[in-house]
Amino acid sequence: MVSVQSTKRVEAIYPLLKDVALSPDMPFCVDCIFEGL
């Protein structure tokens, strides 16, 4: 179960991750990053 604190953190950084994911210069694995949180 995801704690509220972790959810807030993900919500805070998700826009940044999405910007990076949409950047053609920075392809990366979103699942890999979220596994590391």
PDB file of N, CA and C in Angstrom:
ATOM      1  N   MET A   1       0.847  -1.203   0.000  1.00  0.00           N
ATOM      2  CA  MET A   1       0.000   0.000   0.000  1.00  0.00           C
ATOM      3  C   MET A   1       0.876   1.243   0.000  1.00  0.00           C
ATOM      4  N   VAL A   2       0.523   2.189  -0.841  1.00  0.00           N
ATOM      5  CA  VAL A   2       1.310   3.418  -0.945  1.00  0.00           C
ATOM      6  C   VAL A   2       0.870   4.397   0.131  1.00  0.00           C
ATOM      7  N   SER A   3       1.834   4.938   0.851  1.00  0.00           N
ATOM      8  CA  SER A   3       1.505   5.898   1.894  1.00  0.00           C
ATOM      9  C   SER A   3       1.129   7.236   1.280  1.00  0.00           C
ATOM     10  N   VAL A   4       0.451   8.068   2.053  1.00  0.00           N
ATOM     11  CA  VAL A   4       0.035   9.380   1.560  1.00  0.00           C
ATOM     12  C   VAL A   4       1.254  10.218   1.216  1.00  0.00           C
ATOM     13  N   GLN A   5       2.293  10.108   2.044  1.00  0.00           N
ATOM     14  CA  GLN A   5       3.500  10.900   1.799  1.00  0.00           C
ATOM     15  C   GLN A   5       4.117  10.533   0.452  1.00  0.00           C
ATOM     16  N   SER A   6       4.185   9.247   0.157  1.00  0.00           N
ATOM     17  CA  SER A   6       4.764   8.815  -1.117  1.00  0.00           C
ATOM     18  C   SER A   6       3.903   9.300  -2.280  1.00  0.00           C
ATOM     19  N   THR A   7       2.591   9.245  -2.097  1.00  0.00           N
ATOM     20  CA  THR A   7       1.688   9.696  -3.156  1.00  0.00           C
ATOM     21  C   THR A   7       1.899  11.171  -3.434  1.00  0.00           C
ATOM     22  N   LYS A   8       2.035  11.967  -2.374  1.00  0.00           N
ATOM     23  CA  LYS A   8       2.255  13.403  -2.547  1.00  0.00           C
ATOM     24  C   LYS A   8       3.564  13.643  -3.275  1.00  0.00           C
ATOM     25  N   ARG A   9       4.577  12.868  -2.935  1.00  0.00           N
ATOM     26  CA  ARG A   9       5.886  13.038  -3.570  1.00  0.00           C
ATOM     27  C   ARG A   9       5.788  12.709  -5.056  1.00  0.00           C
ATOM     28  N   VAL A  10       5.099  11.625  -5.380  1.00  0.00           N
ATOM     29  CA  VAL A  10       4.944  11.237  -6.784  1.00  0.00           C
ATOM     30  C   VAL A  10       4.176  12.314  -7.542  1.00  0.00           C
ATOM     31  N   GLU A  11       3.119  12.841  -6.917  1.00  0.00           N
ATOM     32  CA  GLU A  11       2.335  13.892  -7.570  1.00  0.00           C
ATOM     33  C   GLU A  11       3.189  15.128  -7.810  1.00  0.00           C
ATOM     34  N   ALA A  12       4.122  15.393  -6.903  1.00  0.00           N
ATOM     35  CA  ALA A  12       4.975  16.574  -7.025  1.00  0.00           C
ATOM     36  C   ALA A  12       5.979  16.433  -8.157  1.00  0.00           C
ATOM     37  N   ILE A  13       6.533  15.220  -8.336  1.00  0.00           N
ATOM     38  CA  ILE A  13       7.578  15.033  -9.353  1.00  0.00           C
ATOM     39  C   ILE A  13       7.053  14.509 -10.676  1.00  0.00           C
ATOM     40  N   TYR A  14       5.801  14.031 -10.699  1.00  0.00           N
ATOM     41  CA  TYR A  14       5.274  13.454 -11.940  1.00  0.00           C
ATOM     42  C   TYR A  14       5.340  14.414 -13.130  1.00  0.00           C
ATOM     43  N   PRO A  15       4.948  15.688 -12.955  1.00  0.00           N
ATOM     44  CA  PRO A  15       5.041  16.619 -14.095  1.00  0.00           C
ATOM     45  C   PRO A  15       6.463  16.726 -14.626  1.00  0.00           C
ATOM     46  N   LEU A  16       7.442  16.674 -13.724  1.00  0.00           N
ATOM     47  CA  LEU A  16       8.839  16.755 -14.153  1.00  0.00           C
ATOM     48  C   LEU A  16       9.219  15.501 -14.927  1.00  0.00           C
ATOM     49  N   LEU A  17       8.785  14.353 -14.436  1.00  0.00           N
ATOM     50  CA  LEU A  17       9.093  13.096 -15.121  1.00  0.00           C
ATOM     51  C   LEU A  17       8.430  13.070 -16.491  1.00  0.00           C
ATOM     52  N   LYS A  18       7.197  13.591 -16.552  1.00  0.00           N
ATOM     53  CA  LYS A  18       6.476  13.596 -17.821  1.00  0.00           C
ATOM     54  C   LYS A  18       7.195  14.485 -18.831  1.00  0.00           C
ATOM     55  N   ASP A  19       7.698  15.629 -18.366  1.00  0.00           N
ATOM     56  CA  ASP A  19       8.442  16.519 -19.264  1.00  0.00           C
ATOM     57  C   ASP A  19       9.669  15.809 -19.811  1.00  0.00           C
ATOM     58  N   VAL A  20      10.351  15.075 -18.953  1.00  0.00           N
ATOM     59  CA  VAL A  20      11.550  14.356 -19.386  1.00  0.00           C
ATOM     60  C   VAL A  20      11.163  13.233 -20.346  1.00  0.00           C
ATOM     61  N   ALA A  21      10.078  12.537 -20.023  1.00  0.00           N
ATOM     62  CA  ALA A  21       9.639  11.422 -20.861  1.00  0.00           C
ATOM     63  C   ALA A  21       9.258  11.900 -22.261  1.00  0.00           C
ATOM     64  N   LEU A  22       8.689  13.097 -22.341  1.00  0.00           N
ATOM     65  CA  LEU A  22       8.257  13.629 -23.632  1.00  0.00           C
ATOM     66  C   LEU A  22       9.406  14.253 -24.402  1.00  0.00           C
ATOM     67  N   SER A  23      10.554  14.418 -23.740  1.00  0.00           N
ATOM     68  CA  SER A  23      11.712  15.008 -24.408  1.00  0.00           C
ATOM     69  C   SER A  23      12.378  13.968 -25.301  1.00  0.00           C
ATOM     70  N   PRO A  24      12.564  14.273 -26.587  1.00  0.00           N
ATOM     71  CA  PRO A  24      13.183  13.315 -27.511  1.00  0.00           C
ATOM     72  C   PRO A  24      14.642  13.038 -27.162  1.00  0.00           C
ATOM     73  N   ASP A  25      15.239  13.929 -26.370  1.00  0.00           N
ATOM     74  CA  ASP A  25      16.648  13.771 -26.001  1.00  0.00           C
ATOM     75  C   ASP A  25      16.836  12.836 -24.808  1.00  0.00           C
ATOM     76  N   MET A  26      15.751  12.598 -24.069  1.00  0.00           N
ATOM     77  CA  MET A  26      15.888  11.841 -22.827  1.00  0.00           C
ATOM     78  C   MET A  26      14.906  10.678 -22.725  1.00  0.00           C
ATOM     79  N   PRO A  27      15.043   9.665 -23.567  1.00  0.00           N
ATOM     80  CA  PRO A  27      14.165   8.497 -23.430  1.00  0.00           C
ATOM     81  C   PRO A  27      14.523   7.741 -22.146  1.00  0.00           C
ATOM     82  N   PHE A  28      13.561   7.316 -21.390  1.00  0.00           N
ATOM     83  CA  PHE A  28      13.854   6.590 -20.156  1.00  0.00           C
ATOM     84  C   PHE A  28      12.661   5.744 -19.732  1.00  0.00           C
ATOM     85  N   CYS A  29      12.904   4.889 -18.771  1.00  0.00           N
ATOM     86  CA  CYS A  29      11.883   3.957 -18.314  1.00  0.00           C
ATOM     87  C   CYS A  29      11.169   4.511 -17.083  1.00  0.00           C
ATOM     88  N   VAL A  30       9.926   4.938 -17.263  1.00  0.00           N
ATOM     89  CA  VAL A  30       9.162   5.494 -16.152  1.00  0.00           C
ATOM     90  C   VAL A  30       8.963   4.445 -15.066  1.00  0.00           C
ATOM     91  N   ASP A  31       8.660   3.223 -15.477  1.00  0.00           N
ATOM     92  CA  ASP A  31       8.443   2.157 -14.504  1.00  0.00           C
ATOM     93  C   ASP A  31       9.680   1.951 -13.644  1.00  0.00           C
ATOM     94  N   CYS A  32      10.867   2.043 -14.263  1.00  0.00           N
ATOM     95  CA  CYS A  32      12.106   1.844 -13.511  1.00  0.00           C
ATOM     96  C   CYS A  32      12.265   2.928 -12.457  1.00  0.00           C
ATOM     97  N   ILE A  33      11.916   4.159 -12.811  1.00  0.00           N
ATOM     98  CA  ILE A  33      12.046   5.266 -11.862  1.00  0.00           C
ATOM     99  C   ILE A  33      11.067   5.094 -10.712  1.00  0.00           C
ATOM    100  N   PHE A  34       9.809   4.744 -11.033  1.00  0.00           N
ATOM    101  CA  PHE A  34       8.828   4.590  -9.969  1.00  0.00           C
ATOM    102  C   PHE A  34       9.161   3.415  -9.061  1.00  0.00           C
ATOM    103  N   GLU A  35       9.814   2.391  -9.589  1.00  0.00           N
ATOM    104  CA  GLU A  35      10.225   1.264  -8.745  1.00  0.00           C
ATOM    105  C   GLU A  35      11.267   1.730  -7.738  1.00  0.00           C
ATOM    106  N   GLY A  36      12.024   2.765  -8.087  1.00  0.00           N
ATOM    107  CA  GLY A  36      13.078   3.254  -7.203  1.00  0.00           C
ATOM    108  C   GLY A  36      12.585   4.205  -6.123  1.00  0.00           C
ATOM    109  N   LEU A  37      11.315   4.639  -6.206  1.00  0.00           N
ATOM    110  CA  LEU A  37      10.805   5.568  -5.207  1.00  0.00           C
ATOM    111  C   LEU A  37      10.545   4.874  -3.887  1.00  0.00           C
TER     112      LEU A  37
END
